[in-house]
Amino acid sequence: MYVPSRRGVLRTGMIGAGVLAMRGQVSYPRRAEGNFTLLRHDVASPQGAEMLRIFADAVGKMMALPEGDPGGWVFQWHIHAVRDDRSKASELARLYSSASDPDRRLA
């Protein structure tokens, strides 16, 4: 049976508290029926160019983090895919030498 670490429980609690604190802080345009209207900017427009700049900045910050950092580009990439010539177990062992590392279990 899996027992979460204290670090994992605290991290989850902090994320949940942040989400609750942000309620009402973020607004979305809505239709009269109450459905969400999601806005997608044309990349050729000034708004689209600004969104691409924001995205590029965020990716740059993620890529600057160490490979094993849960907020980093490599860690997030490993959540979604592992190269065909490698196994998930070998990649986890390469990134986290200690089997007891909580981030290894998180990955």
C-alpha atoms as a PDB file:
ATOM      1  CA  MET A   1       0.000   0.000   0.000  1.00  0.00           C
ATOM      2  CA  TYR A   2       1.319   3.445  -0.953  1.00  0.00           C
ATOM      3  CA  VAL A   3       1.824   5.864   1.934  1.00  0.00           C
ATOM      4  CA  PRO A   4       2.431   9.461   0.838  1.00  0.00           C
ATOM      5  CA  SER A   5       5.437  11.284   2.246  1.00  0.00           C
ATOM      6  CA  ARG A   6       5.029  14.301   4.510  1.00  0.00           C
ATOM      7  CA  ARG A   7       6.663  16.412   1.816  1.00  0.00           C
ATOM      8  CA  GLY A   8       4.111  15.238  -0.748  1.00  0.00           C
ATOM      9  CA  VAL A   9       1.188  15.899   1.584  1.00  0.00           C
ATOM     10  CA  LEU A  10       2.499  19.378   2.421  1.00  0.00           C
ATOM     11  CA  ARG A  11       3.115  20.155  -1.265  1.00  0.00           C
ATOM     12  CA  THR A  12      -0.412  19.063  -2.167  1.00  0.00           C
ATOM     13  CA  GLY A  13      -1.874  21.077   0.709  1.00  0.00           C
ATOM     14  CA  MET A  14       0.029  24.193  -0.329  1.00  0.00           C
ATOM     15  CA  ILE A  15      -1.143  23.837  -3.921  1.00  0.00           C
ATOM     16  CA  GLY A  16      -4.728  23.355  -2.751  1.00  0.00           C
ATOM     17  CA  ALA A  17      -4.497  26.388  -0.465  1.00  0.00           C
ATOM     18  CA  GLY A  18      -3.130  28.441  -3.351  1.00  0.00           C
ATOM     19  CA  VAL A  19      -5.973  27.363  -5.606  1.00  0.00           C
ATOM     20  CA  LEU A  20      -8.537  28.231  -2.946  1.00  0.00           C
ATOM     21  CA  ALA A  21      -6.865  31.601  -2.353  1.00  0.00           C
ATOM     22  CA  MET A  22      -7.016  32.365  -6.076  1.00  0.00           C
ATOM     23  CA  ARG A  23     -10.757  31.661  -6.355  1.00  0.00           C
ATOM     24  CA  GLY A  24     -12.362  34.790  -7.672  1.00  0.00           C
ATOM     25  CA  GLN A  25      -8.992  36.258  -8.662  1.00  0.00           C
ATOM     26  CA  VAL A  26      -9.075  34.828 -12.184  1.00  0.00           C
ATOM     27  CA  SER A  27     -11.923  35.688 -14.483  1.00  0.00           C
ATOM     28  CA  TYR A  28     -12.933  34.240 -17.813  1.00  0.00           C
ATOM     29  CA  PRO A  29     -15.165  35.830 -20.431  1.00  0.00           C
ATOM     30  CA  ARG A  30     -18.601  34.162 -20.327  1.00  0.00           C
ATOM     31  CA  ARG A  31     -21.517  33.855 -22.685  1.00  0.00           C
ATOM     32  CA  ALA A  32     -24.993  34.865 -21.548  1.00  0.00           C
ATOM     33  CA  GLU A  33     -25.835  31.163 -20.944  1.00  0.00           C
ATOM     34  CA  GLY A  34     -23.031  30.897 -18.391  1.00  0.00           C
ATOM     35  CA  ASN A  35     -20.728  28.719 -20.506  1.00  0.00           C
ATOM     36  CA  PHE A  36     -17.038  29.490 -20.695  1.00  0.00           C
ATOM     37  CA  THR A  37     -15.773  31.235 -23.788  1.00  0.00           C
ATOM     38  CA  LEU A  38     -12.127  30.436 -24.348  1.00  0.00           C
ATOM     39  CA  LEU A  39     -10.189  32.960 -26.350  1.00  0.00           C
ATOM     40  CA  ARG A  40      -7.537  31.767 -28.797  1.00  0.00           C
ATOM     41  CA  HIS A  41      -5.397  34.528 -30.276  1.00  0.00           C
ATOM     42  CA  ASP A  42      -4.148  34.438 -33.858  1.00  0.00           C
ATOM     43  CA  VAL A  43      -0.341  34.102 -33.625  1.00  0.00           C
ATOM     44  CA  ALA A  44      -0.009  36.801 -36.293  1.00  0.00           C
ATOM     45  CA  SER A  45      -1.874  39.317 -34.108  1.00  0.00           C
ATOM     46  CA  PRO A  46      -0.192  41.499 -31.462  1.00  0.00           C
ATOM     47  CA  GLN A  47      -2.065  39.576 -28.725  1.00  0.00           C
ATOM     48  CA  GLY A  48      -0.910  36.260 -30.179  1.00  0.00           C
ATOM     49  CA  ALA A  49       2.683  37.462 -30.361  1.00  0.00           C
ATOM     50  CA  GLU A  50       2.487  38.515 -26.703  1.00  0.00           C
ATOM     51  CA  MET A  51       1.083  35.111 -25.683  1.00  0.00           C
ATOM     52  CA  LEU A  52       3.931  33.376 -27.561  1.00  0.00           C
ATOM     53  CA  ARG A  53       6.457  35.611 -25.775  1.00  0.00           C
ATOM     54  CA  ILE A  54       4.943  34.700 -22.390  1.00  0.00           C
ATOM     55  CA  PHE A  55       5.026  31.006 -23.316  1.00  0.00           C
ATOM     56  CA  ALA A  56       8.654  31.229 -24.491  1.00  0.00           C
ATOM     57  CA  ASP A  57       9.640  32.947 -21.217  1.00  0.00           C
ATOM     58  CA  ALA A  58       7.938  30.219 -19.179  1.00  0.00           C
ATOM     59  CA  VAL A  59       9.599  27.429 -21.172  1.00  0.00           C
ATOM     60  CA  GLY A  60      12.977  29.157 -20.782  1.00  0.00           C
ATOM     61  CA  LYS A  61      12.518  29.291 -16.999  1.00  0.00           C
ATOM     62  CA  MET A  62      11.521  25.620 -16.898  1.00  0.00           C
ATOM     63  CA  MET A  63      14.503  24.613 -19.046  1.00  0.00           C
ATOM     64  CA  ALA A  64      16.880  26.505 -16.727  1.00  0.00           C
ATOM     65  CA  LEU A  65      15.877  24.281 -13.782  1.00  0.00           C
ATOM     66  CA  PRO A  66      17.886  21.112 -13.031  1.00  0.00           C
ATOM     67  CA  GLU A  67      16.763  17.858 -14.679  1.00  0.00           C
ATOM     68  CA  GLY A  68      15.399  16.413 -11.440  1.00  0.00           C
ATOM     69  CA  ASP A  69      13.405  19.467 -10.371  1.00  0.00           C
ATOM     70  CA  PRO A  70       9.643  18.696 -10.554  1.00  0.00           C
ATOM     71  CA  GLY A  71       9.009  22.131 -12.078  1.00  0.00           C
ATOM     72  CA  GLY A  72      11.683  21.657 -14.730  1.00  0.00           C
ATOM     73  CA  TRP A  73      11.278  20.925 -18.418  1.00  0.00           C
ATOM     74  CA  VAL A  74      12.956  17.478 -18.311  1.00  0.00           C
ATOM     75  CA  PHE A  75      10.896  16.304 -15.332  1.00  0.00           C
ATOM     76  CA  GLN A  76       7.661  17.413 -16.999  1.00  0.00           C
ATOM     77  CA  TRP A  77       8.740  15.809 -20.268  1.00  0.00           C
ATOM     78  CA  HIS A  78       9.311  12.499 -18.468  1.00  0.00           C
ATOM     79  CA  ILE A  79       5.754  12.618 -17.145  1.00  0.00           C
ATOM     80  CA  HIS A  80       4.468  12.495 -20.715  1.00  0.00           C
ATOM     81  CA  ALA A  81       7.099  10.500 -22.594  1.00  0.00           C
ATOM     82  CA  VAL A  82      10.324   8.553 -22.364  1.00  0.00           C
ATOM     83  CA  ARG A  83      12.477   8.035 -25.439  1.00  0.00           C
ATOM     84  CA  ASP A  84      11.930   4.700 -27.172  1.00  0.00           C
ATOM     85  CA  ASP A  85      15.526   3.602 -26.589  1.00  0.00           C
ATOM     86  CA  ARG A  86      15.187   4.002 -22.794  1.00  0.00           C
ATOM     87  CA  SER A  87      12.927   2.681 -20.076  1.00  0.00           C
ATOM     88  CA  LYS A  88      11.157   4.774 -17.463  1.00  0.00           C
ATOM     89  CA  ALA A  89      12.969   2.839 -14.720  1.00  0.00           C
ATOM     90  CA  SER A  90      16.406   3.574 -16.204  1.00  0.00           C
ATOM     91  CA  GLU A  91      15.584   7.266 -16.608  1.00  0.00           C
ATOM     92  CA  LEU A  92      14.366   7.499 -13.005  1.00  0.00           C
ATOM     93  CA  ALA A  93      17.539   5.782 -11.802  1.00  0.00           C
ATOM     94  CA  ARG A  94      19.637   8.207 -13.885  1.00  0.00           C
ATOM     95  CA  LEU A  95      17.874  11.319 -12.549  1.00  0.00           C
ATOM     96  CA  TYR A  96      17.438  10.145  -8.938  1.00  0.00           C
ATOM     97  CA  SER A  97      20.221   7.916  -7.652  1.00  0.00           C
ATOM     98  CA  SER A  98      18.486   7.412  -4.298  1.00  0.00           C
ATOM     99  CA  ALA A  99      15.455   5.121  -4.447  1.00  0.00           C
ATOM    100  CA  SER A 100      14.079   6.893  -1.345  1.00  0.00           C
ATOM    101  CA  ASP A 101      14.059  10.331  -3.021  1.00  0.00           C
ATOM    102  CA  PRO A 102      10.421  11.567  -2.799  1.00  0.00           C
ATOM    103  CA  ASP A 103      10.762  13.265  -6.189  1.00  0.00           C
ATOM    104  CA  ARG A 104      11.664   9.881  -7.724  1.00  0.00           C
ATOM    105  CA  ARG A 105       8.390   8.457  -6.423  1.00  0.00           C
ATOM    106  CA  LEU A 106       6.575  11.538  -7.671  1.00  0.00           C
ATOM    107  CA  ALA A 107       8.076  11.075 -11.147  1.00  0.00           C
END
